[in-house]
Amino acid sequence: MEDVAHVGLTVPDLESALTMWCDDLGFTLERTFDLDESVTVGTTGVRSSSIHAATVVLGAHRIELLEYRPSASGTARINPSQHGATHIALTVTDIDAVLAICRDHGWTAVGTPHRLSTGARAGTAIVYLHGPAGGTLELISPPR
């Protein structure tokens, strides 16, 4: 094992996702790419789809945004307590500002930011958000 290459998130519209991740959240577009149906089925097992994708970067971290064409119907609604559930955690300076950006793109907070009162991360505010097409983000705002 050498490294974690990236985290992937399936999105309904790549261009809209790039607006949020790059223009609004400050990630840098590393590259866009397309995978034809043969590569898609060979890699993911998904038949009759191609993938239009992009990799965005923040520091050493990469997120791969994947738009399947055509996409499966429905939205993946995962409860964080389900086995195999994943989330992407972002460290932010201003949790309220980032919440507003995410809300503008259809993400919904599951509650209000909760401030940890004990332990090594005391004073840190955290909140989970669910995406309009599935996916879970966690915003983490350490004390200033």
N, C-alpha and C. Protein backbone atom coordinates (compact mmCIF):
# COMPACT_ATOMS: atom_id res chain seq x y z
N MET A 1 0.85 -1.17 0.00
CA MET A 1 0.00 0.00 0.00
C MET A 1 0.90 1.23 0.00
N GLU A 2 0.57 2.19 -0.86
CA GLU A 2 1.38 3.40 -0.95
C GLU A 2 0.64 4.67 -0.57
N ASP A 3 -0.63 4.79 -0.98
CA ASP A 3 -1.33 6.06 -0.84
C ASP A 3 -2.82 5.83 -1.05
N VAL A 4 -3.63 6.80 -0.64
CA VAL A 4 -5.03 6.83 -1.01
C VAL A 4 -5.09 7.71 -2.26
N ALA A 5 -5.52 7.14 -3.38
CA ALA A 5 -5.49 7.86 -4.65
C ALA A 5 -6.56 8.94 -4.73
N HIS A 6 -7.79 8.59 -4.33
CA HIS A 6 -8.88 9.56 -4.38
C HIS A 6 -10.10 8.99 -3.67
N VAL A 7 -11.10 9.83 -3.50
CA VAL A 7 -12.43 9.44 -3.06
C VAL A 7 -13.35 9.75 -4.23
N GLY A 8 -14.29 8.85 -4.55
CA GLY A 8 -15.19 9.07 -5.67
C GLY A 8 -16.59 9.43 -5.21
N LEU A 9 -17.25 10.30 -5.98
CA LEU A 9 -18.62 10.70 -5.72
C LEU A 9 -19.37 10.74 -7.04
N THR A 10 -20.43 9.94 -7.17
CA THR A 10 -21.25 9.95 -8.37
C THR A 10 -22.21 11.13 -8.30
N VAL A 11 -22.26 11.90 -9.38
CA VAL A 11 -23.07 13.12 -9.44
C VAL A 11 -24.00 13.06 -10.66
N PRO A 12 -25.14 13.75 -10.61
CA PRO A 12 -26.05 13.72 -11.76
C PRO A 12 -25.59 14.62 -12.90
N ASP A 13 -24.83 15.68 -12.59
CA ASP A 13 -24.39 16.64 -13.60
C ASP A 13 -22.99 17.12 -13.26
N LEU A 14 -22.01 16.72 -14.05
CA LEU A 14 -20.62 17.03 -13.75
C LEU A 14 -20.35 18.54 -13.73
N GLU A 15 -20.89 19.26 -14.69
CA GLU A 15 -20.62 20.71 -14.76
C GLU A 15 -21.14 21.42 -13.52
N SER A 16 -22.32 21.06 -13.06
CA SER A 16 -22.88 21.64 -11.84
C SER A 16 -22.02 21.28 -10.63
N ALA A 17 -21.58 20.04 -10.57
CA ALA A 17 -20.72 19.61 -9.46
C ALA A 17 -19.41 20.38 -9.47
N LEU A 18 -18.84 20.60 -10.65
CA LEU A 18 -17.58 21.36 -10.73
C LEU A 18 -17.76 22.79 -10.27
N THR A 19 -18.91 23.38 -10.52
CA THR A 19 -19.18 24.73 -10.02
C THR A 19 -19.09 24.75 -8.50
N MET A 20 -19.74 23.78 -7.85
CA MET A 20 -19.69 23.75 -6.38
C MET A 20 -18.28 23.48 -5.87
N TRP A 21 -17.67 22.39 -6.35
CA TRP A 21 -16.39 21.97 -5.79
C TRP A 21 -15.25 22.95 -6.12
N CYS A 22 -15.21 23.48 -7.33
CA CYS A 22 -14.10 24.35 -7.73
C CYS A 22 -14.41 25.83 -7.50
N ASP A 23 -15.47 26.32 -8.12
CA ASP A 23 -15.77 27.75 -8.03
C ASP A 23 -16.14 28.18 -6.62
N ASP A 24 -16.91 27.34 -5.92
CA ASP A 24 -17.44 27.75 -4.62
C ASP A 24 -16.67 27.23 -3.42
N LEU A 25 -16.12 26.01 -3.51
CA LEU A 25 -15.40 25.44 -2.36
C LEU A 25 -13.89 25.56 -2.47
N GLY A 26 -13.37 25.98 -3.62
CA GLY A 26 -11.95 26.26 -3.73
C GLY A 26 -11.05 25.11 -4.17
N PHE A 27 -11.64 23.99 -4.63
CA PHE A 27 -10.83 22.92 -5.17
C PHE A 27 -10.30 23.35 -6.54
N THR A 28 -9.24 22.71 -7.00
CA THR A 28 -8.67 22.97 -8.32
C THR A 28 -8.99 21.79 -9.23
N LEU A 29 -9.43 22.10 -10.44
CA LEU A 29 -9.68 21.04 -11.42
C LEU A 29 -8.34 20.49 -11.88
N GLU A 30 -8.12 19.20 -11.65
CA GLU A 30 -6.88 18.57 -12.10
C GLU A 30 -7.02 18.07 -13.54
N ARG A 31 -8.16 17.39 -13.81
CA ARG A 31 -8.37 16.88 -15.16
C ARG A 31 -9.81 16.44 -15.32
N THR A 32 -10.25 16.38 -16.57
CA THR A 32 -11.51 15.74 -16.91
C THR A 32 -11.18 14.57 -17.83
N PHE A 33 -12.05 13.59 -17.85
CA PHE A 33 -11.82 12.43 -18.70
C PHE A 33 -13.13 11.68 -18.94
N ASP A 34 -13.11 10.85 -19.96
CA ASP A 34 -14.27 10.03 -20.30
C ASP A 34 -13.85 8.57 -20.36
N LEU A 35 -14.73 7.71 -19.87
CA LEU A 35 -14.53 6.26 -19.95
C LEU A 35 -15.66 5.69 -20.79
N ASP A 36 -15.31 4.96 -21.85
CA ASP A 36 -16.35 4.39 -22.71
C ASP A 36 -17.01 3.21 -22.00
N GLU A 37 -18.03 2.66 -22.64
CA GLU A 37 -18.81 1.59 -22.02
C GLU A 37 -17.97 0.37 -21.68
N SER A 38 -17.00 0.01 -22.52
CA SER A 38 -16.20 -1.18 -22.24
C SER A 38 -15.33 -0.98 -21.00
N VAL A 39 -14.76 0.21 -20.84
CA VAL A 39 -13.94 0.49 -19.66
C VAL A 39 -14.84 0.59 -18.43
N THR A 40 -16.00 1.22 -18.58
CA THR A 40 -16.93 1.36 -17.45
C THR A 40 -17.37 0.00 -16.94
N VAL A 41 -17.81 -0.88 -17.82
CA VAL A 41 -18.27 -2.19 -17.36
C VAL A 41 -17.10 -3.00 -16.80
N GLY A 42 -15.93 -2.90 -17.42
CA GLY A 42 -14.78 -3.65 -16.94
C GLY A 42 -14.27 -3.18 -15.60
N THR A 43 -14.42 -1.90 -15.32
CA THR A 43 -13.93 -1.32 -14.08
C THR A 43 -14.97 -1.37 -12.97
N THR A 44 -16.22 -0.97 -13.29
CA THR A 44 -17.24 -0.80 -12.26
C THR A 44 -18.31 -1.89 -12.24
N GLY A 45 -18.41 -2.63 -13.35
CA GLY A 45 -19.47 -3.62 -13.46
C GLY A 45 -20.79 -3.04 -13.95
N VAL A 46 -20.85 -1.72 -14.15
CA VAL A 46 -22.07 -1.07 -14.62
C VAL A 46 -22.13 -1.21 -16.14
N ARG A 47 -23.22 -1.81 -16.62
CA ARG A 47 -23.39 -2.04 -18.06
C ARG A 47 -24.19 -0.91 -18.71
N SER A 48 -23.97 -0.74 -19.98
CA SER A 48 -24.73 0.21 -20.80
C SER A 48 -24.57 1.66 -20.36
N SER A 49 -23.42 2.01 -19.81
CA SER A 49 -23.14 3.39 -19.43
C SER A 49 -21.69 3.73 -19.76
N SER A 50 -21.48 4.99 -20.02
CA SER A 50 -20.13 5.53 -20.08
C SER A 50 -20.01 6.50 -18.91
N ILE A 51 -18.82 6.99 -18.65
CA ILE A 51 -18.61 7.91 -17.53
C ILE A 51 -17.92 9.17 -18.04
N HIS A 52 -18.48 10.32 -17.67
CA HIS A 52 -17.85 11.62 -17.89
C HIS A 52 -17.40 12.05 -16.49
N ALA A 53 -16.11 12.32 -16.30
CA ALA A 53 -15.61 12.51 -14.94
C ALA A 53 -14.58 13.62 -14.85
N ALA A 54 -14.30 14.01 -13.62
CA ALA A 54 -13.27 15.00 -13.35
C ALA A 54 -12.63 14.67 -12.01
N THR A 55 -11.37 15.03 -11.88
CA THR A 55 -10.68 14.94 -10.60
C THR A 55 -10.41 16.35 -10.13
N VAL A 56 -10.83 16.64 -8.89
CA VAL A 56 -10.58 17.94 -8.28
C VAL A 56 -9.64 17.73 -7.10
N VAL A 57 -8.84 18.75 -6.79
CA VAL A 57 -7.77 18.60 -5.81
C VAL A 57 -7.82 19.75 -4.81
N LEU A 58 -7.57 19.41 -3.55
CA LEU A 58 -7.36 20.39 -2.50
C LEU A 58 -6.22 19.87 -1.65
N GLY A 59 -5.08 20.55 -1.68
CA GLY A 59 -3.90 20.05 -1.00
C GLY A 59 -3.49 18.73 -1.62
N ALA A 60 -3.30 17.72 -0.79
CA ALA A 60 -2.91 16.40 -1.29
C ALA A 60 -4.11 15.50 -1.57
N HIS A 61 -5.31 16.04 -1.44
CA HIS A 61 -6.52 15.21 -1.53
C HIS A 61 -7.23 15.38 -2.87
N ARG A 62 -7.66 14.26 -3.41
CA ARG A 62 -8.35 14.24 -4.69
C ARG A 62 -9.75 13.66 -4.51
N ILE A 63 -10.70 14.29 -5.19
CA ILE A 63 -12.06 13.77 -5.25
C ILE A 63 -12.38 13.57 -6.73
N GLU A 64 -12.84 12.38 -7.06
CA GLU A 64 -13.22 12.06 -8.42
C GLU A 64 -14.74 12.19 -8.51
N LEU A 65 -15.19 13.08 -9.38
CA LEU A 65 -16.62 13.31 -9.60
C LEU A 65 -17.01 12.56 -10.86
N LEU A 66 -18.01 11.68 -10.77
CA LEU A 66 -18.36 10.77 -11.85
C LEU A 66 -19.81 10.97 -12.29
N GLU A 67 -20.00 11.27 -13.56
CA GLU A 67 -21.35 11.35 -14.12
C GLU A 67 -21.53 10.17 -15.07
N TYR A 68 -22.39 9.23 -14.68
CA TYR A 68 -22.69 8.09 -15.55
C TYR A 68 -23.69 8.52 -16.61
N ARG A 69 -23.45 8.09 -17.85
CA ARG A 69 -24.34 8.44 -18.97
C ARG A 69 -24.77 7.18 -19.69
N PRO A 70 -26.03 6.76 -19.69
CA PRO A 70 -27.07 7.31 -18.83
C PRO A 70 -26.87 6.82 -17.39
N SER A 71 -27.47 7.56 -16.48
CA SER A 71 -27.34 7.18 -15.08
C SER A 71 -28.47 6.24 -14.69
N ALA A 72 -28.27 5.53 -13.61
CA ALA A 72 -29.33 4.69 -13.06
C ALA A 72 -30.40 5.60 -12.47
N SER A 73 -31.61 5.13 -12.44
CA SER A 73 -32.66 5.95 -11.83
C SER A 73 -32.56 5.85 -10.31
N GLY A 74 -33.04 6.88 -9.65
CA GLY A 74 -33.06 6.89 -8.19
C GLY A 74 -31.84 7.53 -7.58
N THR A 75 -31.92 7.72 -6.30
CA THR A 75 -30.88 8.38 -5.54
C THR A 75 -30.46 7.46 -4.40
N ALA A 76 -29.15 7.35 -4.20
CA ALA A 76 -28.63 6.53 -3.11
C ALA A 76 -28.79 7.30 -1.80
N ARG A 77 -29.73 6.87 -0.99
CA ARG A 77 -29.92 7.46 0.34
C ARG A 77 -29.35 6.48 1.36
N ILE A 78 -28.22 6.81 1.87
CA ILE A 78 -27.53 5.94 2.80
C ILE A 78 -27.60 6.53 4.20
N ASN A 79 -27.95 5.71 5.15
CA ASN A 79 -27.91 6.10 6.54
C ASN A 79 -26.47 5.90 7.01
N PRO A 80 -25.86 6.90 7.65
CA PRO A 80 -24.46 6.76 8.06
C PRO A 80 -24.17 5.55 8.94
N SER A 81 -25.20 4.99 9.56
CA SER A 81 -24.96 3.82 10.41
C SER A 81 -24.99 2.50 9.63
N GLN A 82 -25.33 2.55 8.33
CA GLN A 82 -25.34 1.34 7.51
C GLN A 82 -23.91 0.91 7.20
N HIS A 83 -23.69 -0.40 7.22
CA HIS A 83 -22.37 -0.93 6.89
C HIS A 83 -22.00 -0.49 5.48
N GLY A 84 -20.79 -0.02 5.30
CA GLY A 84 -20.31 0.40 4.00
C GLY A 84 -20.59 1.86 3.67
N ALA A 85 -21.35 2.55 4.52
CA ALA A 85 -21.61 3.97 4.27
C ALA A 85 -20.29 4.74 4.34
N THR A 86 -20.15 5.71 3.46
CA THR A 86 -18.94 6.54 3.44
C THR A 86 -19.34 8.00 3.45
N HIS A 87 -18.38 8.86 3.77
CA HIS A 87 -18.61 10.29 3.68
C HIS A 87 -17.29 10.97 3.36
N ILE A 88 -17.38 12.20 2.90
CA ILE A 88 -16.21 13.02 2.63
C ILE A 88 -16.20 14.11 3.69
N ALA A 89 -15.12 14.21 4.45
CA ALA A 89 -15.01 15.22 5.50
C ALA A 89 -14.11 16.36 5.02
N LEU A 90 -14.61 17.58 5.16
CA LEU A 90 -13.87 18.78 4.77
C LEU A 90 -13.59 19.64 5.99
N THR A 91 -12.35 20.05 6.18
CA THR A 91 -12.01 20.98 7.25
C THR A 91 -12.25 22.38 6.71
N VAL A 92 -13.05 23.17 7.44
CA VAL A 92 -13.43 24.51 6.99
C VAL A 92 -13.15 25.54 8.08
N THR A 93 -12.94 26.76 7.66
CA THR A 93 -12.73 27.85 8.62
C THR A 93 -14.05 28.42 9.09
N ASP A 94 -14.95 28.67 8.14
CA ASP A 94 -16.25 29.29 8.45
C ASP A 94 -17.35 28.31 8.09
N ILE A 95 -17.80 27.53 9.07
CA ILE A 95 -18.77 26.47 8.82
C ILE A 95 -20.09 27.03 8.29
N ASP A 96 -20.51 28.20 8.78
CA ASP A 96 -21.78 28.77 8.32
C ASP A 96 -21.70 29.19 6.85
N ALA A 97 -20.57 29.75 6.43
CA ALA A 97 -20.41 30.15 5.03
C ALA A 97 -20.41 28.92 4.12
N VAL A 98 -19.72 27.85 4.52
CA VAL A 98 -19.67 26.65 3.69
C VAL A 98 -21.03 25.96 3.68
N LEU A 99 -21.74 25.98 4.80
CA LEU A 99 -23.11 25.45 4.82
C LEU A 99 -23.98 26.18 3.82
N ALA A 100 -23.87 27.50 3.76
CA ALA A 100 -24.67 28.29 2.83
C ALA A 100 -24.33 27.93 1.39
N ILE A 101 -23.06 27.76 1.08
CA ILE A 101 -22.65 27.36 -0.27
C ILE A 101 -23.26 26.01 -0.62
N CYS A 102 -23.13 25.06 0.29
CA CYS A 102 -23.65 23.71 0.03
C CYS A 102 -25.17 23.73 -0.13
N ARG A 103 -25.85 24.50 0.70
CA ARG A 103 -27.32 24.62 0.58
C ARG A 103 -27.71 25.17 -0.79
N ASP A 104 -26.94 26.14 -1.28
CA ASP A 104 -27.22 26.71 -2.61
C ASP A 104 -27.13 25.65 -3.70
N HIS A 105 -26.40 24.58 -3.44
CA HIS A 105 -26.26 23.49 -4.41
C HIS A 105 -27.13 22.29 -4.05
N GLY A 106 -28.07 22.47 -3.13
CA GLY A 106 -29.04 21.43 -2.82
C GLY A 106 -28.66 20.47 -1.71
N TRP A 107 -27.51 20.68 -1.05
CA TRP A 107 -27.12 19.82 0.05
C TRP A 107 -27.92 20.24 1.29
N THR A 108 -28.31 19.26 2.10
CA THR A 108 -29.15 19.51 3.28
C THR A 108 -28.43 19.05 4.54
N ALA A 109 -28.29 19.96 5.49
CA ALA A 109 -27.70 19.60 6.79
C ALA A 109 -28.67 18.71 7.54
N VAL A 110 -28.16 17.68 8.20
CA VAL A 110 -29.04 16.78 8.97
C VAL A 110 -29.37 17.37 10.34
N GLY A 111 -28.70 18.42 10.71
CA GLY A 111 -28.95 19.12 11.97
C GLY A 111 -28.22 20.44 11.92
N THR A 112 -27.99 21.01 13.06
CA THR A 112 -27.19 22.23 13.14
C THR A 112 -25.78 21.84 13.55
N PRO A 113 -24.79 22.66 13.24
CA PRO A 113 -23.43 22.33 13.66
C PRO A 113 -23.37 22.08 15.16
N HIS A 114 -22.77 20.98 15.53
CA HIS A 114 -22.63 20.57 16.93
C HIS A 114 -21.19 20.84 17.36
N ARG A 115 -21.01 21.49 18.49
CA ARG A 115 -19.67 21.78 18.99
C ARG A 115 -19.28 20.71 20.01
N LEU A 116 -18.15 20.04 19.76
CA LEU A 116 -17.65 19.02 20.68
C LEU A 116 -17.22 19.70 21.97
N SER A 117 -17.61 19.14 23.10
CA SER A 117 -17.32 19.80 24.38
C SER A 117 -16.19 19.15 25.15
N THR A 118 -15.79 17.93 24.76
CA THR A 118 -14.73 17.25 25.49
C THR A 118 -13.77 16.59 24.51
N GLY A 119 -12.66 16.12 25.03
CA GLY A 119 -11.72 15.36 24.23
C GLY A 119 -10.73 16.23 23.48
N ALA A 120 -9.93 15.56 22.66
CA ALA A 120 -8.85 16.23 21.94
C ALA A 120 -9.35 17.27 20.95
N ARG A 121 -10.59 17.15 20.51
CA ARG A 121 -11.14 18.09 19.52
C ARG A 121 -12.19 19.02 20.14
N ALA A 122 -12.14 19.21 21.45
CA ALA A 122 -13.09 20.10 22.11
C ALA A 122 -13.10 21.46 21.43
N GLY A 123 -14.31 21.99 21.22
CA GLY A 123 -14.47 23.28 20.57
C GLY A 123 -14.66 23.18 19.07
N THR A 124 -14.46 22.01 18.50
CA THR A 124 -14.63 21.80 17.06
C THR A 124 -16.12 21.65 16.75
N ALA A 125 -16.58 22.35 15.70
CA ALA A 125 -17.97 22.22 15.25
C ALA A 125 -18.02 21.23 14.09
N ILE A 126 -19.04 20.37 14.10
CA ILE A 126 -19.20 19.38 13.03
C ILE A 126 -20.67 19.30 12.61
N VAL A 127 -20.88 18.96 11.34
CA VAL A 127 -22.24 18.73 10.85
C VAL A 127 -22.16 17.85 9.60
N TYR A 128 -23.14 16.97 9.43
CA TYR A 128 -23.26 16.14 8.22
C TYR A 128 -24.28 16.79 7.29
N LEU A 129 -24.04 16.62 5.99
CA LEU A 129 -24.97 17.08 4.97
C LEU A 129 -25.22 15.94 3.99
N HIS A 130 -26.45 15.85 3.50
CA HIS A 130 -26.79 14.88 2.47
C HIS A 130 -26.96 15.61 1.15
N GLY A 131 -26.41 15.04 0.08
CA GLY A 131 -26.47 15.65 -1.24
C GLY A 131 -27.82 15.45 -1.89
N PRO A 132 -28.17 16.33 -2.81
CA PRO A 132 -29.46 16.23 -3.49
C PRO A 132 -29.58 14.95 -4.32
N ALA A 133 -28.47 14.36 -4.69
CA ALA A 133 -28.48 13.12 -5.47
C ALA A 133 -27.72 12.03 -4.73
N GLY A 134 -27.70 12.11 -3.40
CA GLY A 134 -26.97 11.14 -2.61
C GLY A 134 -25.61 11.68 -2.22
N GLY A 135 -24.89 10.92 -1.45
CA GLY A 135 -23.58 11.34 -0.97
C GLY A 135 -23.71 12.07 0.37
N THR A 136 -22.68 11.97 1.16
CA THR A 136 -22.66 12.61 2.48
C THR A 136 -21.37 13.39 2.64
N LEU A 137 -21.49 14.63 3.07
CA LEU A 137 -20.35 15.46 3.43
C LEU A 137 -20.36 15.69 4.92
N GLU A 138 -19.20 15.82 5.51
CA GLU A 138 -19.07 16.25 6.90
C GLU A 138 -18.22 17.51 6.87
N LEU A 139 -18.71 18.55 7.51
CA LEU A 139 -17.95 19.78 7.66
C LEU A 139 -17.37 19.81 9.07
N ILE A 140 -16.08 20.09 9.17
CA ILE A 140 -15.38 20.12 10.45
C ILE A 140 -14.73 21.50 10.57
N SER A 141 -15.09 22.23 11.64
CA SER A 141 -14.56 23.56 11.84
C SER A 141 -13.84 23.61 13.20
N PRO A 142 -12.50 23.47 13.19
CA PRO A 142 -11.76 23.52 14.45
C PRO A 142 -11.90 24.88 15.12
N PRO A 143 -11.70 24.94 16.43
CA PRO A 143 -11.80 26.23 17.11
C PRO A 143 -10.76 27.21 16.55
N ARG A 144 -11.11 28.46 16.52
CA ARG A 144 -10.20 29.47 15.96
C ARG A 144 -9.23 29.96 17.00
